[in-house]
Amino acid sequence: MKNILHIISSPRAEISASRKLGNAVVEKIKEKYSGAVVKERDLTKNPVPLLEQKHINTFFSPAESYSSEQVEIHEYSTGLIAELQEADIIVVDSPMYNFSVPATLRAYFDFTSRAGYTFKYDENGPKGLLNNNKKLYIAFTSGNIYSEGPYQIYDSNVPYIKNVFGFYGVSDASVFRAEGLAIPGIMETSLERAIEGITID
């Protein structure tokens, strides 16, 4: 049985192209792995707080010195991390917002990027602590085209997500792209073609 963690970051609800693409990826995974269990982490329905000094202080303080507020912060963060640890397959919906990821997803990474939990440093440098047998799928959507051409250098979305998860130890990543969603002549079929092109390893 496969455990799937579906991370949703678009605030556009039912009209969101990234949600539609991400849902299609999850359905394809369920078709391949009957009995798969899906855990949904919707970052717009339950947003992760923006990082503040109290959060940083908690993350860098020993547990035995925690105040009651810091205990809550720590438990919230480790709860998010536990979902990543338990997942065999991670699906991230990520629309392009101003050349990068939505703020909801960035905030999520701020609370899951913790030394001793998702990575550590040793004499050889950083090492990811998530099981490297995990599979990552990124459902990427954008108004322009960023996979190739003159705007490729502007893509701080997909490389960022792959880098974060690679730092966590998850290096097996596949990307499904619905691009050109604002370009006439492309927008009409982009999402449909992206969904049709979904293949699960």
C-alpha atoms as a PDB file:
ATOM      1  CA  MET A   1       0.000   0.000   0.000  1.00  0.00           C
ATOM      2  CA  LYS A   2       1.317   3.428  -0.965  1.00  0.00           C
ATOM      3  CA  ASN A   3       0.923   6.545   1.137  1.00  0.00           C
ATOM      4  CA  ILE A   4       0.462   9.652  -0.997  1.00  0.00           C
ATOM      5  CA  LEU A   5       0.919  13.179   0.332  1.00  0.00           C
ATOM      6  CA  HIS A   6      -0.762  15.753  -1.896  1.00  0.00           C
ATOM      7  CA  ILE A   7       0.426  19.306  -1.196  1.00  0.00           C
ATOM      8  CA  ILE A   8      -1.804  22.024  -2.657  1.00  0.00           C
ATOM      9  CA  SER A   9      -0.667  25.649  -2.817  1.00  0.00           C
ATOM     10  CA  SER A  10      -3.005  27.519  -5.174  1.00  0.00           C
ATOM     11  CA  PRO A  11      -5.655  29.757  -3.576  1.00  0.00           C
ATOM     12  CA  ARG A  12      -7.821  29.682  -6.707  1.00  0.00           C
ATOM     13  CA  ALA A  13      -9.973  26.755  -5.543  1.00  0.00           C
ATOM     14  CA  GLU A  14     -12.001  25.009  -8.238  1.00  0.00           C
ATOM     15  CA  ILE A  15     -10.709  27.189 -11.112  1.00  0.00           C
ATOM     16  CA  SER A  16      -7.067  26.401 -10.322  1.00  0.00           C
ATOM     17  CA  ALA A  17      -5.222  24.683 -13.160  1.00  0.00           C
ATOM     18  CA  SER A  18      -2.524  23.380 -10.809  1.00  0.00           C
ATOM     19  CA  ARG A  19      -5.164  21.750  -8.607  1.00  0.00           C
ATOM     20  CA  LYS A  20      -6.689  20.069 -11.640  1.00  0.00           C
ATOM     21  CA  LEU A  21      -3.302  18.845 -12.830  1.00  0.00           C
ATOM     22  CA  GLY A  22      -2.293  17.717  -9.341  1.00  0.00           C
ATOM     23  CA  ASN A  23      -5.591  15.880  -8.859  1.00  0.00           C
ATOM     24  CA  ALA A  24      -5.058  14.129 -12.184  1.00  0.00           C
ATOM     25  CA  VAL A  25      -1.582  13.029 -11.054  1.00  0.00           C
ATOM     26  CA  VAL A  26      -3.023  11.636  -7.818  1.00  0.00           C
ATOM     27  CA  GLU A  27      -5.728   9.759  -9.740  1.00  0.00           C
ATOM     28  CA  LYS A  28      -3.112   8.215 -12.035  1.00  0.00           C
ATOM     29  CA  ILE A  29      -1.107   7.101  -9.011  1.00  0.00           C
ATOM     30  CA  LYS A  30      -4.222   5.534  -7.475  1.00  0.00           C
ATOM     31  CA  GLU A  31      -4.883   3.701 -10.719  1.00  0.00           C
ATOM     32  CA  LYS A  32      -1.394   2.198 -10.595  1.00  0.00           C
ATOM     33  CA  TYR A  33      -1.385   1.456  -6.871  1.00  0.00           C
ATOM     34  CA  SER A  34      -4.764   0.134  -5.796  1.00  0.00           C
ATOM     35  CA  GLY A  35      -5.492   0.779  -2.155  1.00  0.00           C
ATOM     36  CA  ALA A  36      -3.247   3.831  -2.000  1.00  0.00           C
ATOM     37  CA  VAL A  37      -4.045   6.192   0.856  1.00  0.00           C
ATOM     38  CA  VAL A  38      -4.091   9.921   0.082  1.00  0.00           C
ATOM     39  CA  LYS A  39      -3.332  12.598   2.672  1.00  0.00           C
ATOM     40  CA  GLU A  40      -4.159  16.094   1.444  1.00  0.00           C
ATOM     41  CA  ARG A  41      -2.310  19.125   2.786  1.00  0.00           C
ATOM     42  CA  ASP A  42      -4.149  22.171   1.416  1.00  0.00           C
ATOM     43  CA  LEU A  43      -1.979  25.151   2.271  1.00  0.00           C
ATOM     44  CA  THR A  44      -4.718  27.647   1.445  1.00  0.00           C
ATOM     45  CA  LYS A  45      -7.363  26.086   3.678  1.00  0.00           C
ATOM     46  CA  ASN A  46      -4.843  25.613   6.485  1.00  0.00           C
ATOM     47  CA  PRO A  47      -2.019  28.066   5.775  1.00  0.00           C
ATOM     48  CA  VAL A  48       1.343  27.692   7.439  1.00  0.00           C
ATOM     49  CA  PRO A  49       2.273  30.869   9.355  1.00  0.00           C
ATOM     50  CA  LEU A  50       4.860  33.185   7.896  1.00  0.00           C
ATOM     51  CA  LEU A  51       8.179  32.676   9.626  1.00  0.00           C
ATOM     52  CA  GLU A  52       8.678  34.951  12.645  1.00  0.00           C
ATOM     53  CA  GLN A  53      11.362  35.345  15.277  1.00  0.00           C
ATOM     54  CA  LYS A  54       9.457  33.122  17.736  1.00  0.00           C
ATOM     55  CA  HIS A  55       9.497  30.280  15.198  1.00  0.00           C
ATOM     56  CA  ILE A  56      13.200  30.642  14.446  1.00  0.00           C
ATOM     57  CA  ASN A  57      14.012  30.820  18.154  1.00  0.00           C
ATOM     58  CA  THR A  58      12.078  27.601  18.696  1.00  0.00           C
ATOM     59  CA  PHE A  59      13.804  25.752  15.871  1.00  0.00           C
ATOM     60  CA  PHE A  60      17.227  26.666  17.229  1.00  0.00           C
ATOM     61  CA  SER A  61      16.542  26.082  20.930  1.00  0.00           C
ATOM     62  CA  PRO A  62      16.956  22.815  22.866  1.00  0.00           C
ATOM     63  CA  ALA A  63      13.651  21.069  23.526  1.00  0.00           C
ATOM     64  CA  GLU A  64      14.197  21.014  27.282  1.00  0.00           C
ATOM     65  CA  SER A  65      14.091  24.820  27.377  1.00  0.00           C
ATOM     66  CA  TYR A  66      10.843  25.217  25.396  1.00  0.00           C
ATOM     67  CA  SER A  67       8.088  27.457  26.683  1.00  0.00           C
ATOM     68  CA  SER A  68       4.493  26.252  26.235  1.00  0.00           C
ATOM     69  CA  GLU A  69       4.242  28.362  23.069  1.00  0.00           C
ATOM     70  CA  GLN A  70       7.435  26.845  21.710  1.00  0.00           C
ATOM     71  CA  VAL A  71       6.130  23.352  22.392  1.00  0.00           C
ATOM     72  CA  GLU A  72       3.110  24.149  20.194  1.00  0.00           C
ATOM     73  CA  ILE A  73       5.325  25.568  17.434  1.00  0.00           C
ATOM     74  CA  HIS A  74       7.626  22.548  17.547  1.00  0.00           C
ATOM     75  CA  GLU A  75       4.762  20.062  17.480  1.00  0.00           C
ATOM     76  CA  TYR A  76       3.124  21.858  14.566  1.00  0.00           C
ATOM     77  CA  SER A  77       6.367  21.813  12.561  1.00  0.00           C
ATOM     78  CA  THR A  78       7.163  18.179  13.335  1.00  0.00           C
ATOM     79  CA  GLY A  79       3.587  17.248  12.434  1.00  0.00           C
ATOM     80  CA  LEU A  80       4.149  18.633   8.941  1.00  0.00           C
ATOM     81  CA  ILE A  81       7.464  16.805   8.737  1.00  0.00           C
ATOM     82  CA  ALA A  82       5.857  13.541   9.884  1.00  0.00           C
ATOM     83  CA  GLU A  83       3.546  13.688   6.867  1.00  0.00           C
ATOM     84  CA  LEU A  84       6.600  13.875   4.608  1.00  0.00           C
ATOM     85  CA  GLN A  85       8.298  11.047   6.483  1.00  0.00           C
ATOM     86  CA  GLU A  86       5.265   8.786   6.187  1.00  0.00           C
ATOM     87  CA  ALA A  87       4.655   9.438   2.488  1.00  0.00           C
ATOM     88  CA  ASP A  88       5.920   7.070  -0.190  1.00  0.00           C
ATOM     89  CA  ILE A  89       4.859   9.481  -2.935  1.00  0.00           C
ATOM     90  CA  ILE A  90       4.665  13.280  -2.697  1.00  0.00           C
ATOM     91  CA  VAL A  91       2.639  15.344  -5.179  1.00  0.00           C
ATOM     92  CA  VAL A  92       3.149  19.113  -5.122  1.00  0.00           C
ATOM     93  CA  ASP A  93       0.804  21.442  -7.006  1.00  0.00           C
ATOM     94  CA  SER A  94       2.805  24.541  -7.848  1.00  0.00           C
ATOM     95  CA  PRO A  95       1.525  27.368 -10.059  1.00  0.00           C
ATOM     96  CA  MET A  96       4.036  29.953 -11.200  1.00  0.00           C
ATOM     97  CA  TYR A  97       3.616  33.109  -9.120  1.00  0.00           C
ATOM     98  CA  ASN A  98       5.980  35.954 -10.030  1.00  0.00           C
ATOM     99  CA  PHE A  99       8.628  33.514 -11.296  1.00  0.00           C
ATOM    100  CA  SER A 100       8.535  31.446  -8.094  1.00  0.00           C
ATOM    101  CA  VAL A 101       6.235  29.424  -5.842  1.00  0.00           C
ATOM    102  CA  PRO A 102       3.159  30.740  -4.009  1.00  0.00           C
ATOM    103  CA  ALA A 103       3.880  32.214  -0.584  1.00  0.00           C
ATOM    104  CA  THR A 104       1.886  29.363   0.983  1.00  0.00           C
ATOM    105  CA  LEU A 105       4.386  26.822  -0.330  1.00  0.00           C
ATOM    106  CA  ARG A 106       7.400  28.877   0.695  1.00  0.00           C
ATOM    107  CA  ALA A 107       5.993  29.135   4.222  1.00  0.00           C
ATOM    108  CA  TYR A 108       5.539  25.350   4.244  1.00  0.00           C
ATOM    109  CA  PHE A 109       9.191  24.832   3.370  1.00  0.00           C
ATOM    110  CA  ASP A 110      10.225  27.270   6.108  1.00  0.00           C
ATOM    111  CA  PHE A 111       8.506  25.015   8.654  1.00  0.00           C
ATOM    112  CA  THR A 112       9.724  21.696   7.232  1.00  0.00           C
ATOM    113  CA  SER A 113      13.363  22.632   6.614  1.00  0.00           C
ATOM    114  CA  ARG A 114      14.732  21.708  10.021  1.00  0.00           C
ATOM    115  CA  ALA A 115      18.138  20.369  10.942  1.00  0.00           C
ATOM    116  CA  GLY A 116      17.854  16.993  12.615  1.00  0.00           C
ATOM    117  CA  TYR A 117      14.505  16.269  10.971  1.00  0.00           C
ATOM    118  CA  THR A 118      14.654  16.700   7.198  1.00  0.00           C
ATOM    119  CA  PHE A 119      18.425  17.221   6.913  1.00  0.00           C
ATOM    120  CA  LYS A 120      21.594  17.258   8.970  1.00  0.00           C
ATOM    121  CA  TYR A 121      25.200  18.339   8.658  1.00  0.00           C
ATOM    122  CA  ASP A 122      28.121  15.998   9.175  1.00  0.00           C
ATOM    123  CA  GLU A 123      31.812  16.043   8.266  1.00  0.00           C
ATOM    124  CA  ASN A 124      30.853  15.670   4.596  1.00  0.00           C
ATOM    125  CA  GLY A 125      28.390  18.552   4.593  1.00  0.00           C
ATOM    126  CA  PRO A 126      24.585  18.462   4.404  1.00  0.00           C
ATOM    127  CA  LYS A 127      22.695  15.171   4.174  1.00  0.00           C
ATOM    128  CA  GLY A 128      18.982  14.651   3.572  1.00  0.00           C
ATOM    129  CA  LEU A 129      17.122  12.671   6.204  1.00  0.00           C
ATOM    130  CA  LEU A 130      13.994  11.715   4.274  1.00  0.00           C
ATOM    131  CA  ASN A 131      14.002   8.217   2.790  1.00  0.00           C
ATOM    132  CA  ASN A 132      15.527   8.501  -0.676  1.00  0.00           C
ATOM    133  CA  ASN A 133      13.146   5.831  -1.985  1.00  0.00           C
ATOM    134  CA  LYS A 134      10.375   8.415  -2.010  1.00  0.00           C
ATOM    135  CA  LYS A 135       9.016   9.699  -5.328  1.00  0.00           C
ATOM    136  CA  LEU A 136       8.225  13.367  -5.969  1.00  0.00           C
ATOM    137  CA  TYR A 137       5.797  14.585  -8.634  1.00  0.00           C
ATOM    138  CA  ILE A 138       5.463  18.298  -9.366  1.00  0.00           C
ATOM    139  CA  ALA A 139       2.297  19.589 -11.057  1.00  0.00           C
ATOM    140  CA  PHE A 140       3.466  22.889 -12.521  1.00  0.00           C
ATOM    141  CA  THR A 141       1.258  25.440 -14.280  1.00  0.00           C
ATOM    142  CA  SER A 142       2.079  28.811 -15.789  1.00  0.00           C
ATOM    143  CA  GLY A 143       0.709  31.496 -18.071  1.00  0.00           C
ATOM    144  CA  ASN A 144       3.957  31.655 -20.031  1.00  0.00           C
ATOM    145  CA  ILE A 145       6.344  28.923 -21.179  1.00  0.00           C
ATOM    146  CA  TYR A 146       9.315  28.299 -18.892  1.00  0.00           C
ATOM    147  CA  SER A 147      10.471  24.787 -19.757  1.00  0.00           C
ATOM    148  CA  GLU A 148      12.382  26.118 -22.770  1.00  0.00           C
ATOM    149  CA  GLY A 149      13.041  29.296 -24.690  1.00  0.00           C
ATOM    150  CA  PRO A 150      13.989  32.804 -23.533  1.00  0.00           C
ATOM    151  CA  TYR A 151      11.991  32.683 -20.294  1.00  0.00           C
ATOM    152  CA  GLN A 152      13.499  29.453 -18.994  1.00  0.00           C
ATOM    153  CA  ILE A 153      15.993  31.397 -16.886  1.00  0.00           C
ATOM    154  CA  TYR A 154      13.076  33.033 -15.040  1.00  0.00           C
ATOM    155  CA  ASP A 155      11.836  29.736 -13.615  1.00  0.00           C
ATOM    156  CA  SER A 156      12.551  29.828  -9.879  1.00  0.00           C
ATOM    157  CA  ASN A 157       9.623  27.492  -9.232  1.00  0.00           C
ATOM    158  CA  VAL A 158      10.418  23.954 -10.371  1.00  0.00           C
ATOM    159  CA  PRO A 159      14.187  24.173  -9.672  1.00  0.00           C
ATOM    160  CA  TYR A 160      13.449  25.516  -6.186  1.00  0.00           C
ATOM    161  CA  ILE A 161      11.070  22.672  -5.301  1.00  0.00           C
ATOM    162  CA  LYS A 162      13.465  20.061  -6.665  1.00  0.00           C
ATOM    163  CA  ASN A 163      16.357  21.634  -4.763  1.00  0.00           C
ATOM    164  CA  VAL A 164      14.455  21.701  -1.465  1.00  0.00           C
ATOM    165  CA  PHE A 165      13.367  18.087  -1.730  1.00  0.00           C
ATOM    166  CA  GLY A 166      16.800  17.071  -2.973  1.00  0.00           C
ATOM    167  CA  PHE A 167      18.241  18.706   0.154  1.00  0.00           C
ATOM    168  CA  TYR A 168      15.766  16.612   2.174  1.00  0.00           C
ATOM    169  CA  GLY A 169      17.052  13.484   0.431  1.00  0.00           C
ATOM    170  CA  VAL A 170      14.302  13.046  -2.191  1.00  0.00           C
ATOM    171  CA  SER A 171      16.032  13.125  -5.565  1.00  0.00           C
ATOM    172  CA  ASP A 172      13.635  11.089  -7.720  1.00  0.00           C
ATOM    173  CA  ALA A 173      11.421  13.812  -9.195  1.00  0.00           C
ATOM    174  CA  SER A 174       9.147  14.052 -12.220  1.00  0.00           C
ATOM    175  CA  VAL A 175       7.513  17.236 -13.490  1.00  0.00           C
ATOM    176  CA  PHE A 176       4.234  17.580 -15.373  1.00  0.00           C
ATOM    177  CA  ARG A 177       3.749  20.988 -16.968  1.00  0.00           C
ATOM    178  CA  ALA A 178       0.701  22.833 -18.217  1.00  0.00           C
ATOM    179  CA  GLU A 179       2.326  25.928 -19.697  1.00  0.00           C
ATOM    180  CA  GLY A 180       1.189  28.811 -21.870  1.00  0.00           C
ATOM    181  CA  LEU A 181      -2.153  29.077 -20.082  1.00  0.00           C
ATOM    182  CA  ALA A 182      -2.328  32.783 -20.955  1.00  0.00           C
ATOM    183  CA  ILE A 183      -1.162  32.459 -24.567  1.00  0.00           C
ATOM    184  CA  PRO A 184      -3.876  32.278 -27.252  1.00  0.00           C
ATOM    185  CA  GLY A 185      -3.470  29.235 -29.443  1.00  0.00           C
ATOM    186  CA  ILE A 186      -1.796  27.305 -26.619  1.00  0.00           C
ATOM    187  CA  MET A 187      -4.022  27.982 -23.621  1.00  0.00           C
ATOM    188  CA  GLU A 188      -7.005  26.169 -25.093  1.00  0.00           C
ATOM    189  CA  THR A 189      -5.388  22.720 -24.923  1.00  0.00           C
ATOM    190  CA  SER A 190      -2.425  23.097 -22.575  1.00  0.00           C
ATOM    191  CA  LEU A 191      -3.999  21.616 -19.454  1.00  0.00           C
ATOM    192  CA  GLU A 192      -5.688  18.812 -21.370  1.00  0.00           C
ATOM    193  CA  ARG A 193      -2.419  17.840 -23.052  1.00  0.00           C
ATOM    194  CA  ALA A 194      -0.565  17.950 -19.741  1.00  0.00           C
ATOM    195  CA  ILE A 195      -3.119  15.622 -18.140  1.00  0.00           C
ATOM    196  CA  GLU A 196      -2.967  13.267 -21.098  1.00  0.00           C
ATOM    197  CA  GLY A 197       0.818  13.154 -20.780  1.00  0.00           C
ATOM    198  CA  ILE A 198       0.883  12.019 -17.160  1.00  0.00           C
ATOM    199  CA  THR A 199       2.849   8.815 -16.694  1.00  0.00           C
ATOM    200  CA  ILE A 200       3.576   7.247 -13.313  1.00  0.00           C
ATOM    201  CA  ASP A 201       6.922   5.514 -12.831  1.00  0.00           C
END
